[in-house]
Amino acid sequence: MLIEGFAPREGPPAGPDQPASNLAGAAPQVLAGIQQPGTSIAIWARRLPGNLIRDLAGLAACAPFAVTVEDAPDEAVGRMAEGLPQPAPIDLLLDVLHLARIFTHVTRADRLRLRLEALDGPGCHRWHADAIGLRLLCTYRGPGTEWLALPGGARAARMLQDGPPPPANRLNTGEVALLKGEGFPGHAGQGCIHRSPPRAPGAPPRLLLCLDEAGRIPLE
């Protein structure tokens, strides 16, 4: 499916000492910029409508749960909806479908791996860089993913574990990010360093969407 305004681009790999760069914009077309060499994260800065935020409270309250499927976008969203602990707001399903279609367009694929989960624990709270190619993250409820504009990928992330916490960037609720991992062609050792945000005791659950390339991660 073609999406007007999207034109994925390719180029030579970034050098090992090149600082990680990021792109951000108010239109979804910015996400295609993740294909640019040296770019580790592309962010669609947006806000969710207030009615959707309110309507998601009941679904998030069913935490913990995770629904993971692998299929074409339309089929994946339908199977996801069937696996949820309670009916999802139609606006959520339409938004997930929109993001799934964008993701498969950017990755030039027909299928994807889709996971929607409600987290009432710390999640992936350690700094890390994914071993996969591209990953889309959107937090529908709760604080968004934290990320660092640092080079070095997974190696640099491991060095951060025992030191003082570095100043981090945090995605806003509803913002959409495409992260480039270590498995992206020409990006080995330069994956986007990120983590789940620290969770305060008693904080409400997070509702997180994660899209990956099909076949890269075993289904749970």
Foldseek 3Di string as FASTA:
>chain_A
DDDPLADADADAADDQQQWADEAEDQDPNQQSVCRPHRHFKYKNADDDDPVLLVQCQVQLQVPFDKDKDKFFLVVRLVVSQVPGPDHHPPVVSVVSSVVSVVVCVSVVHRMWMKMKGWDPDFFFAQKAFDLAAKKKKAWQDDWAKKWDRGAFGGVVSVVQRPDDHDDIDTHGHGMMMMGGGCNHVSQHRGTIIIGRDGDDPPDGIIIMMMMGHPPPDDDD
